[in-house]
Amino acid sequence: MARPLRFRHAPGRWTVGRVRNDVFQPLDGNLGAEMTAPWFRSPDGYDARRFEMDNGDIALFAWNDDEAYWLGNTETPSSLWRTEKYGFSEVPYPIARWAERELLAQLHEESPWLEPYPHVSWFFLPVFLSKDGRHTTREFFHDHAAGFPDATRDEALDFYERFLHTGALDEYRELMAGKLGTSERIDLVRMAASMGEFNVAKVLHDAGYDLTPEIEVTTGHSLDYRADRNGDGGTLVEVTRPLPPNKRSANTPVAAVRDTAETKTNGQLEHHAGGVTLFVDCSSFPDDDWFAVRGEQPEVRHRPAVVFRARPDGHIEGYSKGSVPLDLDGGLEWV
């Protein structure tokens, strides 16, 4: 499985002739390719070209007398194999911004339904145009409403557009976008679970917390977030997302919540000596299943815990178990 889009940096002097010989000709020979001017003005101080392959792959290349940057969802020419890879935030801003403009235009030409959602488009760009995941990640939003049951594509996109517009996770875009995956085969369970982390991020952000994802702890594990407000040292947060009963062996929604939370508690959390708040995201549950959980409010074998469900209209409700060290009144409605 290929990773999300990353730049390759090739130091040294590049010319149009070298680009043609070392980049274009190998692509054309293996895949069939066309080398054209970029759709947008080249970054200041660089010349640039765009490569479009017969199989739908694309690549971008910008260079000057000292270095070059390559970005593409296609095979890498052998002349660039031993180059270092960098994320969008790690390359010069003019290079990153130019590449994003090129890729966003490509994305919206291929998937015009994403154009009304600029923040979703930008945030997930590294996977929406990745080598292996460019079809499955878009399919997850288009055909499966990003894991929301009984919701339309646009309702789900509206929900995440509103949240991502806040910029709460901008600093961690590539890390968080990568959680959606870049697999050629769609995995609805894993992808919905990854969106559970975004749902929890929304709850915490709306409650006034700053977020840092992927916190390494002494047990060797990484926990999903540290939530901090007013420099209070932060609270560690872990997220799990149960499947609704019709998608798993547990035959009731209450059992689904208990079993999923128990798996997390007996696995990752049992090695951590307390101090972690568990969020159980039931956003995959249709109304009847959630109403059953909301009515019974089952234990989840870990305290403190928050069991909640988000709906695409922005309404989020939940209940707690134990003394939750977070003030979440601004993020959800308690039931």
Protein backbone atom coordinates (compact mmCIF):
# COMPACT_ATOMS: atom_id res chain seq x y z
CA MET A 1 0.00 0.00 0.00
CA ALA A 2 1.51 3.32 -1.08
CA ARG A 3 1.65 6.19 1.37
CA PRO A 4 -0.07 9.55 1.00
CA LEU A 5 1.44 11.91 -1.54
CA ARG A 6 4.92 13.16 -0.67
CA PHE A 7 7.52 15.20 -2.50
CA ARG A 8 10.86 13.85 -3.63
CA HIS A 9 13.76 16.31 -3.45
CA ALA A 10 16.54 15.93 -6.02
CA PRO A 11 19.53 18.22 -5.42
CA GLY A 12 21.67 19.25 -8.39
CA ARG A 13 21.35 21.14 -11.62
CA TRP A 14 18.33 20.37 -13.78
CA THR A 15 17.54 21.58 -17.29
CA VAL A 16 14.68 21.01 -19.71
CA GLY A 17 16.85 18.50 -21.52
CA ARG A 18 17.59 16.54 -18.36
CA VAL A 19 13.92 16.57 -17.37
CA ARG A 20 13.00 15.20 -20.79
CA ASN A 21 15.66 12.48 -20.70
CA ASP A 22 15.51 11.44 -17.04
CA VAL A 23 11.84 11.97 -16.20
CA PHE A 24 9.60 12.17 -19.25
CA GLN A 25 11.12 9.47 -21.44
CA PRO A 26 10.99 6.72 -18.75
CA LEU A 27 7.37 7.61 -17.99
CA ASP A 28 6.43 7.67 -21.64
CA GLY A 29 8.21 4.40 -22.33
CA ASN A 30 6.54 2.54 -19.45
CA LEU A 31 3.09 4.11 -19.24
CA GLY A 32 2.60 6.45 -22.16
CA ALA A 33 2.88 10.06 -21.04
CA GLU A 34 2.52 13.65 -22.12
CA MET A 35 4.73 16.46 -20.78
CA THR A 36 2.94 19.81 -20.73
CA ALA A 37 3.15 23.24 -19.16
CA PRO A 38 1.57 23.37 -15.70
CA TRP A 39 -1.99 24.63 -15.33
CA PHE A 40 -0.83 27.35 -12.94
CA ARG A 41 2.15 29.69 -12.97
CA SER A 42 5.39 27.98 -11.93
CA PRO A 43 6.70 28.70 -8.42
CA ASP A 44 8.94 31.76 -8.22
CA GLY A 45 12.50 30.81 -9.06
CA TYR A 46 11.57 27.48 -10.64
CA ASP A 47 10.59 26.09 -14.00
CA ALA A 48 7.90 23.41 -13.95
CA ARG A 49 6.18 20.76 -16.01
CA ARG A 50 3.14 18.56 -15.65
CA PHE A 51 3.06 14.89 -16.69
CA GLU A 52 -0.17 13.12 -17.59
CA MET A 53 -0.07 9.37 -18.09
CA ASP A 54 -2.33 7.32 -20.33
CA ASN A 55 -3.65 5.40 -17.30
CA GLY A 56 -4.82 8.59 -15.53
CA ASP A 57 -1.78 9.04 -13.30
CA ILE A 58 -0.31 12.52 -12.96
CA ALA A 59 2.97 13.97 -11.74
CA LEU A 60 4.46 17.41 -11.20
CA PHE A 61 8.09 18.49 -11.47
CA ALA A 62 9.66 21.85 -10.57
CA TRP A 63 13.36 22.63 -10.86
CA ASN A 64 16.08 25.25 -11.00
CA ASP A 65 19.87 25.19 -11.19
CA ASP A 66 20.21 23.83 -7.65
CA GLU A 67 17.39 21.36 -7.02
CA ALA A 68 14.16 19.78 -8.16
CA TYR A 69 10.92 18.62 -6.56
CA TRP A 70 8.83 15.71 -7.85
CA LEU A 71 5.27 14.84 -6.74
CA GLY A 72 3.06 12.23 -8.35
CA ASN A 73 0.67 9.32 -7.98
CA THR A 74 2.50 7.28 -10.58
CA GLU A 75 5.69 5.22 -10.78
CA THR A 76 8.82 7.13 -9.86
CA PRO A 77 11.48 7.37 -12.59
CA SER A 78 14.69 5.57 -11.60
CA SER A 79 16.60 8.86 -11.67
CA LEU A 80 14.66 9.87 -8.55
CA TRP A 81 14.67 6.58 -6.63
CA ARG A 82 17.34 7.53 -4.09
CA THR A 83 15.97 10.96 -3.28
CA GLU A 84 14.63 12.04 0.09
CA LYS A 85 10.88 12.33 0.66
CA TYR A 86 9.16 15.30 2.30
CA GLY A 87 5.64 16.30 3.26
CA PHE A 88 3.80 19.37 2.04
CA SER A 89 4.78 21.33 5.15
CA GLU A 90 8.44 20.41 4.77
CA VAL A 91 9.12 21.88 1.32
CA PRO A 92 9.36 25.59 0.42
CA TYR A 93 5.95 27.25 0.58
CA PRO A 94 5.93 28.35 -3.11
CA ILE A 95 6.50 24.73 -4.16
CA ALA A 96 3.79 23.37 -1.85
CA ARG A 97 1.26 26.03 -2.80
CA TRP A 98 1.82 25.58 -6.53
CA ALA A 99 1.50 21.81 -6.24
CA GLU A 100 -1.68 22.11 -4.19
CA ARG A 101 -3.27 24.41 -6.77
CA GLU A 102 -2.41 21.94 -9.54
CA LEU A 103 -3.71 18.96 -7.60
CA LEU A 104 -6.88 20.62 -6.35
CA ALA A 105 -7.76 21.58 -9.92
CA GLN A 106 -7.12 17.97 -10.95
CA LEU A 107 -9.22 16.65 -8.08
CA HIS A 108 -12.16 18.91 -8.89
CA GLU A 109 -11.98 18.08 -12.58
CA GLU A 110 -12.15 14.36 -11.76
CA SER A 111 -14.62 14.69 -8.86
CA PRO A 112 -16.61 17.92 -9.27
CA TRP A 113 -18.84 16.97 -6.33
CA LEU A 114 -15.90 17.84 -4.05
CA GLU A 115 -15.49 21.39 -5.35
CA PRO A 116 -18.13 22.92 -3.03
CA TYR A 117 -16.09 21.58 -0.09
CA PRO A 118 -12.70 23.32 -0.28
CA HIS A 119 -11.52 22.42 3.21
CA VAL A 120 -12.34 18.73 2.82
CA SER A 121 -10.65 18.79 -0.60
CA TRP A 122 -7.51 20.44 0.75
CA PHE A 123 -7.28 18.45 3.98
CA PHE A 124 -7.59 15.03 2.37
CA LEU A 125 -5.70 15.96 -0.81
CA PRO A 126 -2.68 13.75 0.06
CA VAL A 127 -4.96 10.68 -0.01
CA PHE A 128 -7.60 11.83 -2.52
CA LEU A 129 -4.82 11.88 -5.14
CA SER A 130 -2.55 9.18 -3.73
CA LYS A 131 -1.24 6.37 -5.89
CA ASP A 132 -3.32 3.51 -4.47
CA GLY A 133 -6.06 5.29 -2.55
CA ARG A 134 -7.35 7.93 -4.91
CA HIS A 135 -10.43 5.93 -5.83
CA THR A 136 -11.28 4.30 -2.49
CA THR A 137 -10.95 7.44 -0.36
CA ARG A 138 -13.26 9.39 -2.62
CA GLU A 139 -15.66 6.43 -2.81
CA PHE A 140 -15.84 6.42 1.00
CA PHE A 141 -17.22 9.96 0.99
CA HIS A 142 -19.26 9.70 -2.21
CA ASP A 143 -20.95 6.33 -1.76
CA HIS A 144 -20.78 5.72 2.00
CA ALA A 145 -21.29 9.22 3.51
CA ALA A 146 -17.98 8.95 5.40
CA GLY A 147 -19.46 6.30 7.69
CA PHE A 148 -22.70 8.04 8.67
CA PRO A 149 -25.78 5.78 8.39
CA ASP A 150 -28.94 7.13 6.81
CA ALA A 151 -27.15 10.21 5.48
CA THR A 152 -26.37 11.63 2.06
CA ARG A 153 -22.96 12.35 0.64
CA ASP A 154 -23.47 16.09 0.91
CA GLU A 155 -24.74 15.92 4.49
CA ALA A 156 -21.55 14.13 5.51
CA LEU A 157 -19.35 16.49 3.52
CA ASP A 158 -21.10 19.49 5.08
CA PHE A 159 -20.36 18.12 8.55
CA TYR A 160 -16.64 17.67 7.96
CA GLU A 161 -16.35 20.88 5.92
CA ARG A 162 -17.68 22.87 8.87
CA PHE A 163 -15.27 21.22 11.28
CA LEU A 164 -12.17 21.35 9.08
CA HIS A 165 -12.91 25.01 8.34
CA THR A 166 -12.00 25.74 11.98
CA GLY A 167 -8.37 24.80 11.30
CA ALA A 168 -8.25 22.71 14.47
CA LEU A 169 -6.20 19.97 12.79
CA ASP A 170 -4.45 21.96 10.04
CA GLU A 171 -1.05 21.56 11.68
CA TYR A 172 -1.48 17.78 11.56
CA ARG A 173 -3.13 17.52 8.14
CA GLU A 174 -0.89 14.89 6.60
CA LEU A 175 -0.84 12.72 9.72
CA MET A 176 -4.62 12.83 10.11
CA ALA A 177 -5.46 12.55 6.41
CA GLY A 178 -3.20 9.51 6.22
CA LYS A 179 -5.39 7.71 8.75
CA LEU A 180 -8.02 7.38 6.03
CA GLY A 181 -5.58 5.10 4.22
CA THR A 182 -4.33 4.64 0.69
CA SER A 183 -5.47 1.14 -0.13
CA GLU A 184 -6.78 0.02 -3.52
CA ARG A 185 -9.49 -1.95 -1.68
CA ILE A 186 -12.01 -0.05 0.36
CA ASP A 187 -12.12 -0.99 4.04
CA LEU A 188 -15.25 0.60 5.43
CA VAL A 189 -14.60 -0.55 9.00
CA ARG A 190 -11.12 0.93 9.21
CA MET A 191 -12.08 4.10 7.37
CA ALA A 192 -15.11 4.75 9.57
CA ALA A 193 -12.93 4.15 12.62
CA SER A 194 -10.50 6.78 11.37
CA MET A 195 -13.34 9.29 11.05
CA GLY A 196 -14.21 8.55 14.67
CA GLU A 197 -11.01 10.40 15.56
CA PHE A 198 -12.26 13.41 13.61
CA ASN A 199 -15.61 13.22 15.42
CA VAL A 200 -13.87 13.24 18.79
CA ALA A 201 -11.67 16.10 17.62
CA LYS A 202 -14.80 18.09 16.84
CA VAL A 203 -16.24 17.45 20.29
CA LEU A 204 -13.02 18.51 21.99
CA HIS A 205 -12.46 21.54 19.77
CA ASP A 206 -16.01 22.78 20.21
CA ALA A 207 -15.51 22.41 23.97
CA GLY A 208 -12.51 24.73 23.77
CA TYR A 209 -9.59 22.31 23.80
CA ASP A 210 -6.41 22.40 21.76
CA LEU A 211 -5.49 19.04 20.23
CA THR A 212 -2.26 17.19 19.72
CA PRO A 213 -2.65 13.80 18.01
CA GLU A 214 -0.60 10.62 18.36
CA ILE A 215 0.83 10.98 21.86
CA GLU A 216 3.55 8.44 22.61
CA VAL A 217 3.37 7.04 26.13
CA THR A 218 5.82 5.02 28.19
CA THR A 219 4.12 1.72 27.38
CA GLY A 220 5.29 2.04 23.78
CA HIS A 221 1.79 2.79 22.52
CA SER A 222 0.47 5.97 20.98
CA LEU A 223 -2.78 7.45 22.21
CA ASP A 224 -5.04 9.37 19.88
CA TYR A 225 -4.96 12.84 21.45
CA ARG A 226 -3.83 15.11 24.21
CA ALA A 227 -6.54 17.69 24.86
CA ASP A 228 -5.27 20.87 26.52
CA ARG A 229 -7.03 24.03 27.62
CA ASN A 230 -5.38 27.02 29.27
CA GLY A 231 -2.09 25.17 29.65
CA ASP A 232 -3.55 22.72 32.15
CA GLY A 233 -1.16 19.94 31.17
CA GLY A 234 -3.70 18.14 29.05
CA THR A 235 -5.80 15.01 29.21
CA LEU A 236 -4.97 11.87 27.24
CA VAL A 237 -7.75 10.59 25.01
CA GLU A 238 -8.26 7.30 23.19
CA VAL A 239 -11.01 6.66 20.63
CA THR A 240 -12.85 3.52 19.60
CA ARG A 241 -15.80 3.11 17.24
CA PRO A 242 -18.07 0.07 17.45
CA LEU A 243 -19.80 -1.37 14.42
CA PRO A 244 -23.59 -1.43 14.53
CA PRO A 245 -25.06 -4.87 15.33
CA ASN A 246 -25.98 -5.63 11.72
CA LYS A 247 -22.27 -5.42 10.81
CA ARG A 248 -20.79 -7.57 13.59
CA SER A 249 -21.33 -10.74 15.62
CA ALA A 250 -22.74 -8.86 18.64
CA ASN A 251 -26.50 -9.06 18.19
CA THR A 252 -27.54 -5.98 20.17
CA PRO A 253 -26.29 -2.38 20.11
CA VAL A 254 -25.53 -2.51 23.83
CA ALA A 255 -23.39 -5.62 23.34
CA ALA A 256 -21.64 -3.97 20.41
CA VAL A 257 -20.65 -1.02 22.59
CA ARG A 258 -19.52 -3.22 25.47
CA ASP A 259 -17.52 -5.63 23.29
CA THR A 260 -15.72 -2.93 21.36
CA ALA A 261 -14.81 -0.97 24.46
CA GLU A 262 -13.65 -4.16 26.18
CA THR A 263 -11.34 -4.95 23.27
CA LYS A 264 -9.75 -1.52 23.57
CA THR A 265 -9.58 -1.73 27.38
CA ASN A 266 -8.04 -5.22 27.44
CA GLY A 267 -5.59 -4.31 24.71
CA GLN A 268 -4.06 -0.88 24.45
CA LEU A 269 -5.42 0.66 27.64
CA GLU A 270 -4.64 -2.18 30.04
CA HIS A 271 -0.94 -1.36 29.70
CA HIS A 272 -1.45 2.26 30.65
CA ALA A 273 -1.68 3.09 34.33
CA GLY A 274 -4.82 5.22 34.20
CA GLY A 275 -5.13 8.82 33.14
CA VAL A 276 -6.80 8.09 29.79
CA THR A 277 -10.33 9.11 28.87
CA LEU A 278 -11.96 6.66 26.46
CA PHE A 279 -14.35 8.01 23.82
CA VAL A 280 -16.70 5.45 22.29
CA ASP A 281 -18.02 6.85 19.01
CA CYS A 282 -21.40 5.38 18.06
CA SER A 283 -21.81 7.54 14.96
CA SER A 284 -22.15 4.39 12.82
CA PHE A 285 -25.34 3.46 14.68
CA PRO A 286 -28.72 4.22 13.07
CA ASP A 287 -31.35 5.83 15.26
CA ASP A 288 -32.91 2.70 16.76
CA ASP A 289 -29.55 1.25 17.78
CA TRP A 290 -28.39 4.49 19.34
CA PHE A 291 -31.68 4.98 21.19
CA ALA A 292 -31.18 1.56 22.78
CA VAL A 293 -27.67 2.49 23.93
CA ARG A 294 -28.79 5.93 25.07
CA GLY A 295 -31.64 4.40 27.07
CA GLU A 296 -29.59 1.75 28.86
CA GLN A 297 -26.28 3.68 29.07
CA PRO A 298 -24.21 0.52 29.51
CA GLU A 299 -20.86 0.38 31.27
CA VAL A 300 -17.88 0.10 28.94
CA ARG A 301 -15.35 -1.50 31.35
CA HIS A 302 -13.24 1.63 31.48
CA ARG A 303 -13.55 4.82 33.45
CA PRO A 304 -13.59 7.65 32.69
CA ALA A 305 -15.42 7.19 29.40
CA VAL A 306 -17.68 9.15 27.07
CA VAL A 307 -20.13 7.30 24.83
CA PHE A 308 -21.55 9.53 22.11
CA ARG A 309 -23.06 9.76 18.64
CA ALA A 310 -22.63 12.53 16.06
CA ARG A 311 -25.09 13.25 13.29
CA PRO A 312 -24.27 15.14 10.06
CA ASP A 313 -26.48 18.08 11.07
CA GLY A 314 -23.95 18.76 13.82
CA HIS A 315 -26.00 17.43 16.73
CA ILE A 316 -23.84 15.36 19.08
CA GLU A 317 -25.14 13.73 22.23
CA GLY A 318 -23.71 11.28 24.73
CA TYR A 319 -23.33 10.07 28.29
CA SER A 320 -20.35 9.57 30.57
CA LYS A 321 -19.10 6.93 32.97
CA GLY A 322 -16.79 7.88 35.80
CA SER A 323 -15.36 11.31 36.50
CA VAL A 324 -14.41 12.72 33.10
CA PRO A 325 -11.60 15.29 33.52
CA LEU A 326 -12.85 17.33 30.57
CA ASP A 327 -15.51 20.03 30.38
CA LEU A 328 -17.42 18.93 27.28
CA ASP A 329 -20.59 21.01 27.67
CA GLY A 330 -19.70 23.06 24.60
CA GLY A 331 -19.03 19.97 22.50
CA LEU A 332 -22.03 17.72 23.04
CA GLU A 333 -25.40 17.42 24.72
CA TRP A 334 -25.51 15.13 27.73
CA VAL A 335 -28.34 12.59 27.86
